Amino acid sequence: MGTRHDLRRQDRQLCEHKITVTWHDAGGQNKFAIARVMDISKSGIKLLMPEAPPLHSYVTLKAIQLGLLGNASVRYCVRTAASKYAVGAEFSGGLRWTPEKAQDSSKAAAASA
């Protein structure tokens, strides 16, 4: 039997960027965190977060340098040895990522600086 990675629809690329994540906790309170992107694909992202968003909830992602602004559904969340949470999220609402989007966003940010 193959590994979980073998079952993914798209290949993931390692990534070292910060991303802003917002969501509502189980009590309906707004939550906010700066997370580290661990890897990314056309349809999803793996984050390392200081706090766990609820499973199957929607989070809003914002990372200008990656060309990402939109929503994603939390598909898994596991506590790591470093007392952080590895969170896998699938993009939703038409959000998709490509390396070209990241390059275009980086060029636009550099031009406006």
PDB file of N, CA and C in Angstrom:
ATOM      1  N   MET A   1       0.847  -1.188   0.000  1.00  0.00           N
ATOM      2  CA  MET A   1       0.000   0.000   0.000  1.00  0.00           C
ATOM      3  C   MET A   1       0.883   1.238   0.000  1.00  0.00           C
ATOM      4  N   GLY A   2       0.517   2.269  -0.760  1.00  0.00           N
ATOM      5  CA  GLY A   2       1.293   3.491  -0.870  1.00  0.00           C
ATOM      6  C   GLY A   2       1.174   4.358   0.364  1.00  0.00           C
ATOM      7  N   THR A   3       2.058   5.320   0.445  1.00  0.00           N
ATOM      8  CA  THR A   3       2.002   6.260   1.551  1.00  0.00           C
ATOM      9  C   THR A   3       0.955   7.325   1.265  1.00  0.00           C
ATOM     10  N   ARG A   4       0.630   8.102   2.298  1.00  0.00           N
ATOM     11  CA  ARG A   4      -0.348   9.179   2.126  1.00  0.00           C
ATOM     12  C   ARG A   4       0.091  10.136   1.022  1.00  0.00           C
ATOM     13  N   HIS A   5       1.381  10.416   0.964  1.00  0.00           N
ATOM     14  CA  HIS A   5       1.878  11.343  -0.056  1.00  0.00           C
ATOM     15  C   HIS A   5       1.576  10.830  -1.463  1.00  0.00           C
ATOM     16  N   ASP A   6       1.646   9.540  -1.652  1.00  0.00           N
ATOM     17  CA  ASP A   6       1.393   8.955  -2.968  1.00  0.00           C
ATOM     18  C   ASP A   6      -0.050   9.140  -3.408  1.00  0.00           C
ATOM     19  N   LEU A   7      -0.968   9.378  -2.473  1.00  0.00           N
ATOM     20  CA  LEU A   7      -2.385   9.501  -2.788  1.00  0.00           C
ATOM     21  C   LEU A   7      -2.815  10.941  -3.081  1.00  0.00           C
ATOM     22  N   ARG A   8      -1.930  11.901  -2.915  1.00  0.00           N
ATOM     23  CA  ARG A   8      -2.284  13.300  -3.152  1.00  0.00           C
ATOM     24  C   ARG A   8      -2.539  13.561  -4.622  1.00  0.00           C
ATOM     25  N   ARG A   9      -3.443  14.499  -4.866  1.00  0.00           N
ATOM     26  CA  ARG A   9      -3.794  14.851  -6.246  1.00  0.00           C
ATOM     27  C   ARG A   9      -2.717  15.653  -6.949  1.00  0.00           C
ATOM     28  N   GLN A  10      -2.027  16.524  -6.212  1.00  0.00           N
ATOM     29  CA  GLN A  10      -0.955  17.336  -6.798  1.00  0.00           C
ATOM     30  C   GLN A  10       0.303  17.187  -5.952  1.00  0.00           C
ATOM     31  N   ASP A  11       1.435  17.395  -6.612  1.00  0.00           N
ATOM     32  CA  ASP A  11       2.700  17.393  -5.886  1.00  0.00           C
ATOM     33  C   ASP A  11       2.782  18.633  -5.014  1.00  0.00           C
ATOM     34  N   ARG A  12       3.391  18.464  -3.843  1.00  0.00           N
ATOM     35  CA  ARG A  12       3.607  19.590  -2.948  1.00  0.00           C
ATOM     36  C   ARG A  12       5.021  20.105  -3.106  1.00  0.00           C
ATOM     37  N   GLN A  13       5.174  21.407  -2.933  1.00  0.00           N
ATOM     38  CA  GLN A  13       6.492  22.034  -2.976  1.00  0.00           C
ATOM     39  C   GLN A  13       6.820  22.552  -1.585  1.00  0.00           C
ATOM     40  N   LEU A  14       8.054  22.290  -1.149  1.00  0.00           N
ATOM     41  CA  LEU A  14       8.489  22.843   0.125  1.00  0.00           C
ATOM     42  C   LEU A  14       8.463  24.354   0.030  1.00  0.00           C
ATOM     43  N   CYS A  15       8.158  24.997   1.146  1.00  0.00           N
ATOM     44  CA  CYS A  15       7.973  26.439   1.141  1.00  0.00           C
ATOM     45  C   CYS A  15       8.387  26.991   2.499  1.00  0.00           C
ATOM     46  N   GLU A  16       9.023  28.132   2.526  1.00  0.00           N
ATOM     47  CA  GLU A  16       9.454  28.772   3.777  1.00  0.00           C
ATOM     48  C   GLU A  16       8.942  30.201   3.825  1.00  0.00           C
ATOM     49  N   HIS A  17       7.653  30.372   4.007  1.00  0.00           N
ATOM     50  CA  HIS A  17       7.062  31.706   4.085  1.00  0.00           C
ATOM     51  C   HIS A  17       6.179  31.797   5.321  1.00  0.00           C
ATOM     52  N   LYS A  18       5.937  33.020   5.748  1.00  0.00           N
ATOM     53  CA  LYS A  18       4.975  33.291   6.815  1.00  0.00           C
ATOM     54  C   LYS A  18       3.637  33.603   6.162  1.00  0.00           C
ATOM     55  N   ILE A  19       2.554  33.266   6.861  1.00  0.00           N
ATOM     56  CA  ILE A  19       1.214  33.505   6.345  1.00  0.00           C
ATOM     57  C   ILE A  19       0.317  33.916   7.506  1.00  0.00           C
ATOM     58  N   THR A  20      -0.592  34.821   7.260  1.00  0.00           N
ATOM     59  CA  THR A  20      -1.569  35.238   8.259  1.00  0.00           C
ATOM     60  C   THR A  20      -2.799  34.342   8.126  1.00  0.00           C
ATOM     61  N   VAL A  21      -3.237  33.791   9.250  1.00  0.00           N
ATOM     62  CA  VAL A  21      -4.395  32.888   9.262  1.00  0.00           C
ATOM     63  C   VAL A  21      -5.417  33.435  10.257  1.00  0.00           C
ATOM     64  N   THR A  22      -6.661  33.569   9.814  1.00  0.00           N
ATOM     65  CA  THR A  22      -7.750  33.967  10.719  1.00  0.00           C
ATOM     66  C   THR A  22      -8.855  32.923  10.644  1.00  0.00           C
ATOM     67  N   TRP A  23      -9.581  32.746  11.758  1.00  0.00           N
ATOM     68  CA  TRP A  23     -10.671  31.776  11.828  1.00  0.00           C
ATOM     69  C   TRP A  23     -11.533  32.084  13.041  1.00  0.00           C
ATOM     70  N   HIS A  24     -12.621  31.364  13.179  1.00  0.00           N
ATOM     71  CA  HIS A  24     -13.493  31.456  14.346  1.00  0.00           C
ATOM     72  C   HIS A  24     -13.306  30.191  15.171  1.00  0.00           C
ATOM     73  N   ASP A  25     -13.120  30.338  16.479  1.00  0.00           N
ATOM     74  CA  ASP A  25     -12.986  29.156  17.326  1.00  0.00           C
ATOM     75  C   ASP A  25     -14.359  28.545  17.590  1.00  0.00           C
ATOM     76  N   ALA A  26     -14.408  27.471  18.368  1.00  0.00           N
ATOM     77  CA  ALA A  26     -15.669  26.758  18.635  1.00  0.00           C
ATOM     78  C   ALA A  26     -16.711  27.657  19.299  1.00  0.00           C
ATOM     79  N   GLY A  27     -16.265  28.685  20.020  1.00  0.00           N
ATOM     80  CA  GLY A  27     -17.178  29.623  20.676  1.00  0.00           C
ATOM     81  C   GLY A  27     -17.564  30.799  19.797  1.00  0.00           C
ATOM     82  N   GLY A  28     -17.091  30.832  18.565  1.00  0.00           N
ATOM     83  CA  GLY A  28     -17.429  31.905  17.645  1.00  0.00           C
ATOM     84  C   GLY A  28     -16.524  33.120  17.744  1.00  0.00           C
ATOM     85  N   GLN A  29     -15.478  33.042  18.559  1.00  0.00           N
ATOM     86  CA  GLN A  29     -14.552  34.165  18.709  1.00  0.00           C
ATOM     87  C   GLN A  29     -13.575  34.208  17.542  1.00  0.00           C
ATOM     88  N   ASN A  30     -13.240  35.423  17.110  1.00  0.00           N
ATOM     89  CA  ASN A  30     -12.242  35.590  16.051  1.00  0.00           C
ATOM     90  C   ASN A  30     -10.867  35.226  16.587  1.00  0.00           C
ATOM     91  N   LYS A  31     -10.111  34.473  15.798  1.00  0.00           N
ATOM     92  CA  LYS A  31      -8.757  34.076  16.154  1.00  0.00           C
ATOM     93  C   LYS A  31      -7.827  34.503  15.025  1.00  0.00           C
ATOM     94  N   PHE A  32      -6.557  34.708  15.374  1.00  0.00           N
ATOM     95  CA  PHE A  32      -5.567  35.201  14.428  1.00  0.00           C
ATOM     96  C   PHE A  32      -4.218  34.578  14.769  1.00  0.00           C
ATOM     97  N   ALA A  33      -3.459  34.183  13.757  1.00  0.00           N
ATOM     98  CA  ALA A  33      -2.115  33.646  13.998  1.00  0.00           C
ATOM     99  C   ALA A  33      -1.231  33.916  12.792  1.00  0.00           C
ATOM    100  N   ILE A  34       0.046  34.047  13.073  1.00  0.00           N
ATOM    101  CA  ILE A  34       1.056  34.055  12.019  1.00  0.00           C
ATOM    102  C   ILE A  34       1.592  32.628  11.992  1.00  0.00           C
ATOM    103  N   ALA A  35       1.442  31.970  10.861  1.00  0.00           N
ATOM    104  CA  ALA A  35       1.855  30.578  10.722  1.00  0.00           C
ATOM    105  C   ALA A  35       3.021  30.489   9.752  1.00  0.00           C
ATOM    106  N   ARG A  36       3.678  29.345   9.759  1.00  0.00           N
ATOM    107  CA  ARG A  36       4.761  29.073   8.811  1.00  0.00           C
ATOM    108  C   ARG A  36       4.252  28.072   7.789  1.00  0.00           C
ATOM    109  N   VAL A  37       4.424  28.395   6.522  1.00  0.00           N
ATOM    110  CA  VAL A  37       4.042  27.467   5.456  1.00  0.00           C
ATOM    111  C   VAL A  37       5.118  26.387   5.377  1.00  0.00           C
ATOM    112  N   MET A  38       4.693  25.130   5.437  1.00  0.00           N
ATOM    113  CA  MET A  38       5.636  24.015   5.344  1.00  0.00           C
ATOM    114  C   MET A  38       5.721  23.495   3.910  1.00  0.00           C
ATOM    115  N   ASP A  39       4.555  23.366   3.276  1.00  0.00           N
ATOM    116  CA  ASP A  39       4.531  23.015   1.861  1.00  0.00           C
ATOM    117  C   ASP A  39       3.222  23.493   1.259  1.00  0.00           C
ATOM    118  N   ILE A  40       3.194  23.516  -0.079  1.00  0.00           N
ATOM    119  CA  ILE A  40       2.041  24.076  -0.781  1.00  0.00           C
ATOM    120  C   ILE A  40       1.866  23.355  -2.112  1.00  0.00           C
ATOM    121  N   SER A  41       0.623  23.267  -2.564  1.00  0.00           N
ATOM    122  CA  SER A  41       0.321  22.698  -3.876  1.00  0.00           C
ATOM    123  C   SER A  41      -0.748  23.569  -4.528  1.00  0.00           C
ATOM    124  N   LYS A  42      -1.161  23.177  -5.700  1.00  0.00           N
ATOM    125  CA  LYS A  42      -2.200  23.918  -6.428  1.00  0.00           C
ATOM    126  C   LYS A  42      -3.484  24.026  -5.606  1.00  0.00           C
ATOM    127  N   SER A  43      -3.805  22.982  -4.839  1.00  0.00           N
ATOM    128  CA  SER A  43      -5.102  22.963  -4.156  1.00  0.00           C
ATOM    129  C   SER A  43      -5.044  22.945  -2.633  1.00  0.00           C
ATOM    130  N   GLY A  44      -3.844  23.037  -2.054  1.00  0.00           N
ATOM    131  CA  GLY A  44      -3.792  22.990  -0.600  1.00  0.00           C
ATOM    132  C   GLY A  44      -2.470  23.444  -0.022  1.00  0.00           C
ATOM    133  N   ILE A  45      -2.439  23.478   1.312  1.00  0.00           N
ATOM    134  CA  ILE A  45      -1.294  24.020   2.023  1.00  0.00           C
ATOM    135  C   ILE A  45      -1.131  23.301   3.356  1.00  0.00           C
ATOM    136  N   LYS A  46       0.106  23.157   3.791  1.00  0.00           N
ATOM    137  CA  LYS A  46       0.394  22.608   5.113  1.00  0.00           C
ATOM    138  C   LYS A  46       1.061  23.704   5.918  1.00  0.00           C
ATOM    139  N   LEU A  47       0.512  23.966   7.097  1.00  0.00           N
ATOM    140  CA  LEU A  47       0.971  25.057   7.941  1.00  0.00           C
ATOM    141  C   LEU A  47       1.466  24.534   9.279  1.00  0.00           C
ATOM    142  N   LEU A  48       2.373  25.267   9.899  1.00  0.00           N
ATOM    143  CA  LEU A  48       2.776  25.018  11.270  1.00  0.00           C
ATOM    144  C   LEU A  48       2.255  26.201  12.067  1.00  0.00           C
ATOM    145  N   MET A  49       1.314  25.914  12.978  1.00  0.00           N
ATOM    146  CA  MET A  49       0.611  26.984  13.692  1.00  0.00           C
ATOM    147  C   MET A  49       0.802  26.860  15.204  1.00  0.00           C
ATOM    148  N   PRO A  50       0.745  27.995  15.924  1.00  0.00           N
ATOM    149  CA  PRO A  50       0.869  27.957  17.382  1.00  0.00           C
ATOM    150  C   PRO A  50      -0.416  27.505  18.075  1.00  0.00           C
ATOM    151  N   GLU A  51      -1.513  27.493  17.341  1.00  0.00           N
ATOM    152  CA  GLU A  51      -2.824  27.162  17.890  1.00  0.00           C
ATOM    153  C   GLU A  51      -3.586  26.320  16.866  1.00  0.00           C
ATOM    154  N   ALA A  52      -4.514  25.503  17.347  1.00  0.00           N
ATOM    155  CA  ALA A  52      -5.233  24.596  16.446  1.00  0.00           C
ATOM    156  C   ALA A  52      -6.593  25.166  16.049  1.00  0.00           C
ATOM    157  N   PRO A  53      -6.827  25.383  14.762  1.00  0.00           N
ATOM    158  CA  PRO A  53      -8.182  25.738  14.326  1.00  0.00           C
ATOM    159  C   PRO A  53      -9.047  24.474  14.342  1.00  0.00           C
ATOM    160  N   PRO A  54     -10.355  24.611  14.512  1.00  0.00           N
ATOM    161  CA  PRO A  54     -11.225  23.424  14.537  1.00  0.00           C
ATOM    162  C   PRO A  54     -11.183  22.658  13.209  1.00  0.00           C
ATOM    163  N   LEU A  55     -11.190  21.341  13.315  1.00  0.00           N
ATOM    164  CA  LEU A  55     -11.229  20.477  12.144  1.00  0.00           C
ATOM    165  C   LEU A  55     -12.488  20.773  11.334  1.00  0.00           C
ATOM    166  N   HIS A  56     -12.387  20.801  10.031  1.00  0.00           N
ATOM    167  CA  HIS A  56     -13.466  21.065   9.076  1.00  0.00           C
ATOM    168  C   HIS A  56     -13.975  22.509   9.107  1.00  0.00           C
ATOM    169  N   SER A  57     -13.265  23.390   9.827  1.00  0.00           N
ATOM    170  CA  SER A  57     -13.651  24.802   9.814  1.00  0.00           C
ATOM    171  C   SER A  57     -12.974  25.481   8.615  1.00  0.00           C
ATOM    172  N   TYR A  58     -13.402  26.697   8.341  1.00  0.00           N
ATOM    173  CA  TYR A  58     -12.782  27.477   7.277  1.00  0.00           C
ATOM    174  C   TYR A  58     -11.848  28.501   7.891  1.00  0.00           C
ATOM    175  N   VAL A  59     -10.697  28.657   7.266  1.00  0.00           N
ATOM    176  CA  VAL A  59      -9.730  29.664   7.676  1.00  0.00           C
ATOM    177  C   VAL A  59      -9.516  30.607   6.496  1.00  0.00           C
ATOM    178  N   THR A  60      -9.152  31.842   6.805  1.00  0.00           N
ATOM    179  CA  THR A  60      -8.794  32.800   5.773  1.00  0.00           C
ATOM    180  C   THR A  60      -7.285  32.924   5.762  1.00  0.00           C
ATOM    181  N   LEU A  61      -6.705  32.819   4.580  1.00  0.00           N
ATOM    182  CA  LEU A  61      -5.258  32.849   4.403  1.00  0.00           C
ATOM    183  C   LEU A  61      -4.843  34.116   3.669  1.00  0.00           C
ATOM    184  N   LYS A  62      -3.743  34.726   4.141  1.00  0.00           N
ATOM    185  CA  LYS A  62      -3.219  35.904   3.456  1.00  0.00           C
ATOM    186  C   LYS A  62      -1.698  35.838   3.465  1.00  0.00           C
ATOM    187  N   ALA A  63      -1.131  35.709   2.265  1.00  0.00           N
ATOM    188  CA  ALA A  63       0.317  35.723   2.085  1.00  0.00           C
ATOM    189  C   ALA A  63       0.593  36.382   0.738  1.00  0.00           C
ATOM    190  N   ILE A  64       0.848  37.665   0.762  1.00  0.00           N
ATOM    191  CA  ILE A  64       1.058  38.427  -0.469  1.00  0.00           C
ATOM    192  C   ILE A  64       2.214  37.843  -1.273  1.00  0.00           C
ATOM    193  N   GLN A  65       3.312  37.464  -0.592  1.00  0.00           N
ATOM    194  CA  GLN A  65       4.485  36.956  -1.302  1.00  0.00           C
ATOM    195  C   GLN A  65       4.207  35.634  -2.011  1.00  0.00           C
ATOM    196  N   LEU A  66       3.166  34.925  -1.616  1.00  0.00           N
ATOM    197  CA  LEU A  66       2.782  33.684  -2.288  1.00  0.00           C
ATOM    198  C   LEU A  66       1.621  33.890  -3.258  1.00  0.00           C
ATOM    199  N   GLY A  67       1.067  35.082  -3.298  1.00  0.00           N
ATOM    200  CA  GLY A  67      -0.075  35.348  -4.163  1.00  0.00           C
ATOM    201  C   GLY A  67      -1.343  34.690  -3.643  1.00  0.00           C
ATOM    202  N   LEU A  68      -1.448  34.554  -2.306  1.00  0.00           N
ATOM    203  CA  LEU A  68      -2.609  33.893  -1.706  1.00  0.00           C
ATOM    204  C   LEU A  68      -3.447  34.862  -0.888  1.00  0.00           C
ATOM    205  N   LEU A  69      -4.723  34.890  -1.159  1.00  0.00           N
ATOM    206  CA  LEU A  69      -5.693  35.614  -0.357  1.00  0.00           C
ATOM    207  C   LEU A  69      -7.025  34.926  -0.589  1.00  0.00           C
ATOM    208  N   GLY A  70      -7.496  34.202   0.413  1.00  0.00           N
ATOM    209  CA  GLY A  70      -8.755  33.479   0.262  1.00  0.00           C
ATOM    210  C   GLY A  70      -8.972  32.489   1.383  1.00  0.00           C
ATOM    211  N   ASN A  71      -9.914  31.587   1.164  1.00  0.00           N
ATOM    212  CA  ASN A  71     -10.330  30.641   2.197  1.00  0.00           C
ATOM    213  C   ASN A  71      -9.856  29.227   1.916  1.00  0.00           C
ATOM    214  N   ALA A  72      -9.774  28.463   3.007  1.00  0.00           N
ATOM    215  CA  ALA A  72      -9.408  27.053   2.911  1.00  0.00           C
ATOM    216  C   ALA A  72     -10.129  26.301   4.016  1.00  0.00           C
ATOM    217  N   SER A  73     -10.377  25.014   3.787  1.00  0.00           N
ATOM    218  CA  SER A  73     -11.036  24.142   4.756  1.00  0.00           C
ATOM    219  C   SER A  73      -9.975  23.301   5.475  1.00  0.00           C
ATOM    220  N   VAL A  74     -10.027  23.287   6.796  1.00  0.00           N
ATOM    221  CA  VAL A  74      -9.072  22.508   7.587  1.00  0.00           C
ATOM    222  C   VAL A  74      -9.405  21.030   7.441  1.00  0.00           C
ATOM    223  N   ARG A  75      -8.474  20.259   6.856  1.00  0.00           N
ATOM    224  CA  ARG A  75      -8.684  18.833   6.600  1.00  0.00           C
ATOM    225  C   ARG A  75      -8.070  17.961   7.689  1.00  0.00           C
ATOM    226  N   TYR A  76      -6.952  18.407   8.284  1.00  0.00           N
ATOM    227  CA  TYR A  76      -6.364  17.685   9.413  1.00  0.00           C
ATOM    228  C   TYR A  76      -5.596  18.657  10.291  1.00  0.00           C
ATOM    229  N   CYS A  77      -5.409  18.264  11.533  1.00  0.00           N
ATOM    230  CA  CYS A  77      -4.669  19.073  12.489  1.00  0.00           C
ATOM    231  C   CYS A  77      -4.092  18.126  13.533  1.00  0.00           C
ATOM    232  N   VAL A  78      -2.768  18.084  13.626  1.00  0.00           N
ATOM    233  CA  VAL A  78      -2.110  17.216  14.600  1.00  0.00           C
ATOM    234  C   VAL A  78      -1.080  18.021  15.382  1.00  0.00           C
ATOM    235  N   ARG A  79      -0.971  17.706  16.661  1.00  0.00           N
ATOM    236  CA  ARG A  79       0.019  18.363  17.517  1.00  0.00           C
ATOM    237  C   ARG A  79       1.394  17.788  17.202  1.00  0.00           C
ATOM    238  N   THR A  80       2.388  18.670  17.111  1.00  0.00           N
ATOM    239  CA  THR A  80       3.750  18.229  16.834  1.00  0.00           C
ATOM    240  C   THR A  80       4.537  18.151  18.136  1.00  0.00           C
ATOM    241  N   ALA A  81       5.727  17.618  18.054  1.00  0.00           N
ATOM    242  CA  ALA A  81       6.585  17.500  19.235  1.00  0.00           C
ATOM    243  C   ALA A  81       6.981  18.870  19.782  1.00  0.00           C
ATOM    244  N   ALA A  82       6.956  19.886  18.961  1.00  0.00           N
ATOM    245  CA  ALA A  82       7.359  21.239  19.363  1.00  0.00           C
ATOM    246  C   ALA A  82       6.202  22.039  19.953  1.00  0.00           C
ATOM    247  N   SER A  83       5.119  21.363  20.368  1.00  0.00           N
ATOM    248  CA  SER A  83       3.931  22.030  20.924  1.00  0.00           C
ATOM    249  C   SER A  83       3.310  23.017  19.957  1.00  0.00           C
ATOM    250  N   LYS A  84       3.405  22.704  18.695  1.00  0.00           N
ATOM    251  CA  LYS A  84       2.725  23.470  17.646  1.00  0.00           C
ATOM    252  C   LYS A  84       1.763  22.517  16.968  1.00  0.00           C
ATOM    253  N   TYR A  85       1.074  22.995  15.945  1.00  0.00           N
ATOM    254  CA  TYR A  85       0.097  22.178  15.233  1.00  0.00           C
ATOM    255  C   TYR A  85       0.407  22.173  13.744  1.00  0.00           C
ATOM    256  N   ALA A  86       0.488  20.986  13.185  1.00  0.00           N
ATOM    257  CA  ALA A  86       0.611  20.830  11.740  1.00  0.00           C
ATOM    258  C   ALA A  86      -0.811  20.781  11.201  1.00  0.00           C
ATOM    259  N   VAL A  87      -1.133  21.734  10.339  1.00  0.00           N
ATOM    260  CA  VAL A  87      -2.496  21.885   9.838  1.00  0.00           C
ATOM    261  C   VAL A  87      -2.484  21.748   8.317  1.00  0.00           C
ATOM    262  N   GLY A  88      -3.297  20.845   7.810  1.00  0.00           N
ATOM    263  CA  GLY A  88      -3.468  20.696   6.373  1.00  0.00           C
ATOM    264  C   GLY A  88      -4.789  21.324   5.970  1.00  0.00           C
ATOM    265  N   ALA A  89      -4.762  22.167   4.961  1.00  0.00           N
ATOM    266  CA  ALA A  89      -5.981  22.854   4.534  1.00  0.00           C
ATOM    267  C   ALA A  89      -6.106  22.779   3.015  1.00  0.00           C
ATOM    268  N   GLU A  90      -7.332  22.557   2.569  1.00  0.00           N
ATOM    269  CA  GLU A  90      -7.642  22.509   1.140  1.00  0.00           C
ATOM    270  C   GLU A  90      -8.251  23.840   0.732  1.00  0.00           C
ATOM    271  N   PHE A  91      -7.692  24.457  -0.305  1.00  0.00           N
ATOM    272  CA  PHE A  91      -8.217  25.737  -0.774  1.00  0.00           C
ATOM    273  C   PHE A  91      -9.668  25.588  -1.206  1.00  0.00           C
ATOM    274  N   SER A  92     -10.457  26.649  -1.001  1.00  0.00           N
ATOM    275  CA  SER A  92     -11.870  26.631  -1.387  1.00  0.00           C
ATOM    276  C   SER A  92     -12.235  27.950  -2.054  1.00  0.00           C
ATOM    277  N   GLY A  93     -13.446  28.016  -2.553  1.00  0.00           N
ATOM    278  CA  GLY A  93     -13.933  29.250  -3.174  1.00  0.00           C
ATOM    279  C   GLY A  93     -13.163  29.663  -4.405  1.00  0.00           C
ATOM    280  N   GLY A  94     -12.611  28.699  -5.132  1.00  0.00           N
ATOM    281  CA  GLY A  94     -11.893  29.008  -6.352  1.00  0.00           C
ATOM    282  C   GLY A  94     -10.436  29.386  -6.147  1.00  0.00           C
ATOM    283  N   LEU A  95      -9.969  29.399  -4.900  1.00  0.00           N
ATOM    284  CA  LEU A  95      -8.569  29.729  -4.629  1.00  0.00           C
ATOM    285  C   LEU A  95      -7.666  28.616  -5.145  1.00  0.00           C
ATOM    286  N   ARG A  96      -6.659  28.983  -5.890  1.00  0.00           N
ATOM    287  CA  ARG A  96      -5.655  28.054  -6.411  1.00  0.00           C
ATOM    288  C   ARG A  96      -4.306  28.733  -6.324  1.00  0.00           C
ATOM    289  N   TRP A  97      -3.238  27.942  -6.204  1.00  0.00           N
ATOM    290  CA  TRP A  97      -1.894  28.490  -6.136  1.00  0.00           C
ATOM    291  C   TRP A  97      -1.052  27.926  -7.264  1.00  0.00           C
ATOM    292  N   THR A  98      -0.214  28.769  -7.831  1.00  0.00           N
ATOM    293  CA  THR A  98       0.787  28.331  -8.807  1.00  0.00           C
ATOM    294  C   THR A  98       2.080  29.076  -8.488  1.00  0.00           C
ATOM    295  N   PRO A  99       3.220  28.497  -8.836  1.00  0.00           N
ATOM    296  CA  PRO A  99       4.476  29.212  -8.616  1.00  0.00           C
ATOM    297  C   PRO A  99       4.507  30.562  -9.332  1.00  0.00           C
ATOM    298  N   GLU A 100       3.824  30.658 -10.455  1.00  0.00           N
ATOM    299  CA  GLU A 100       3.783  31.916 -11.204  1.00  0.00           C
ATOM    300  C   GLU A 100       3.097  33.018 -10.403  1.00  0.00           C
ATOM    301  N   LYS A 101       2.048  32.672  -9.643  1.00  0.00           N
ATOM    302  CA  LYS A 101       1.369  33.668  -8.816  1.00  0.00           C
ATOM    303  C   LYS A 101       2.318  34.241  -7.784  1.00  0.00           C
ATOM    304  N   ALA A 102       3.136  33.380  -7.198  1.00  0.00           N
ATOM    305  CA  ALA A 102       4.093  33.832  -6.190  1.00  0.00           C
ATOM    306  C   ALA A 102       5.126  34.761  -6.816  1.00  0.00           C
ATOM    307  N   GLN A 103       5.611  34.421  -8.002  1.00  0.00           N
ATOM    308  CA  GLN A 103       6.601  35.254  -8.673  1.00  0.00           C
ATOM    309  C   GLN A 103       6.003  36.597  -9.057  1.00  0.00           C
ATOM    310  N   ASP A 104       4.772  36.599  -9.581  1.00  0.00           N
ATOM    311  CA  ASP A 104       4.103  37.843  -9.966  1.00  0.00           C
ATOM    312  C   ASP A 104       3.880  38.735  -8.760  1.00  0.00           C
ATOM    313  N   SER A 105       3.482  38.158  -7.619  1.00  0.00           N
ATOM    314  CA  SER A 105       3.260  38.925  -6.394  1.00  0.00           C
ATOM    315  C   SER A 105       4.557  39.523  -5.879  1.00  0.00           C
ATOM    316  N   SER A 106       5.652  38.751  -5.958  1.00  0.00           N
ATOM    317  CA  SER A 106       6.955  39.252  -5.514  1.00  0.00           C
ATOM    318  C   SER A 106       7.407  40.423  -6.369  1.00  0.00           C
ATOM    319  N   LYS A 107       7.208  40.325  -7.686  1.00  0.00           N
ATOM    320  CA  LYS A 107       7.596  41.414  -8.594  1.00  0.00           C
ATOM    321  C   LYS A 107       6.773  42.667  -8.321  1.00  0.00           C
ATOM    322  N   ALA A 108       5.471  42.504  -8.089  1.00  0.00           N
ATOM    323  CA  ALA A 108       4.605  43.651  -7.821  1.00  0.00           C
ATOM    324  C   ALA A 108       4.983  44.317  -6.508  1.00  0.00           C
ATOM    325  N   ALA A 109       5.320  43.532  -5.480  1.00  0.00           N
ATOM    326  CA  ALA A 109       5.718  44.085  -4.193  1.00  0.00           C
ATOM    327  C   ALA A 109       7.032  44.858  -4.321  1.00  0.00           C
ATOM    328  N   ALA A 110       7.968  44.324  -5.077  1.00  0.00           N
ATOM    329  CA  ALA A 110       9.259  44.992  -5.276  1.00  0.00           C
ATOM    330  C   ALA A 110       9.087  46.303  -6.043  1.00  0.00           C
ATOM    331  N   ALA A 111       8.198  46.324  -7.016  1.00  0.00           N
ATOM    332  CA  ALA A 111       7.973  47.510  -7.824  1.00  0.00           C
ATOM    333  C   ALA A 111       7.324  48.624  -7.013  1.00  0.00           C
ATOM    334  N   SER A 112       6.484  48.269  -6.036  1.00  0.00           N
ATOM    335  CA  SER A 112       5.800  49.287  -5.239  1.00  0.00           C
ATOM    336  C   SER A 112       6.634  49.779  -4.073  1.00  0.00           C
ATOM    337  N   ALA A 113       7.756  49.114  -3.809  1.00  0.00           N
ATOM    338  CA  ALA A 113       8.606  49.524  -2.669  1.00  0.00           C
ATOM    339  C   ALA A 113       9.505  50.695  -3.018  1.00  0.00           C
TER     340      ALA A 113
END
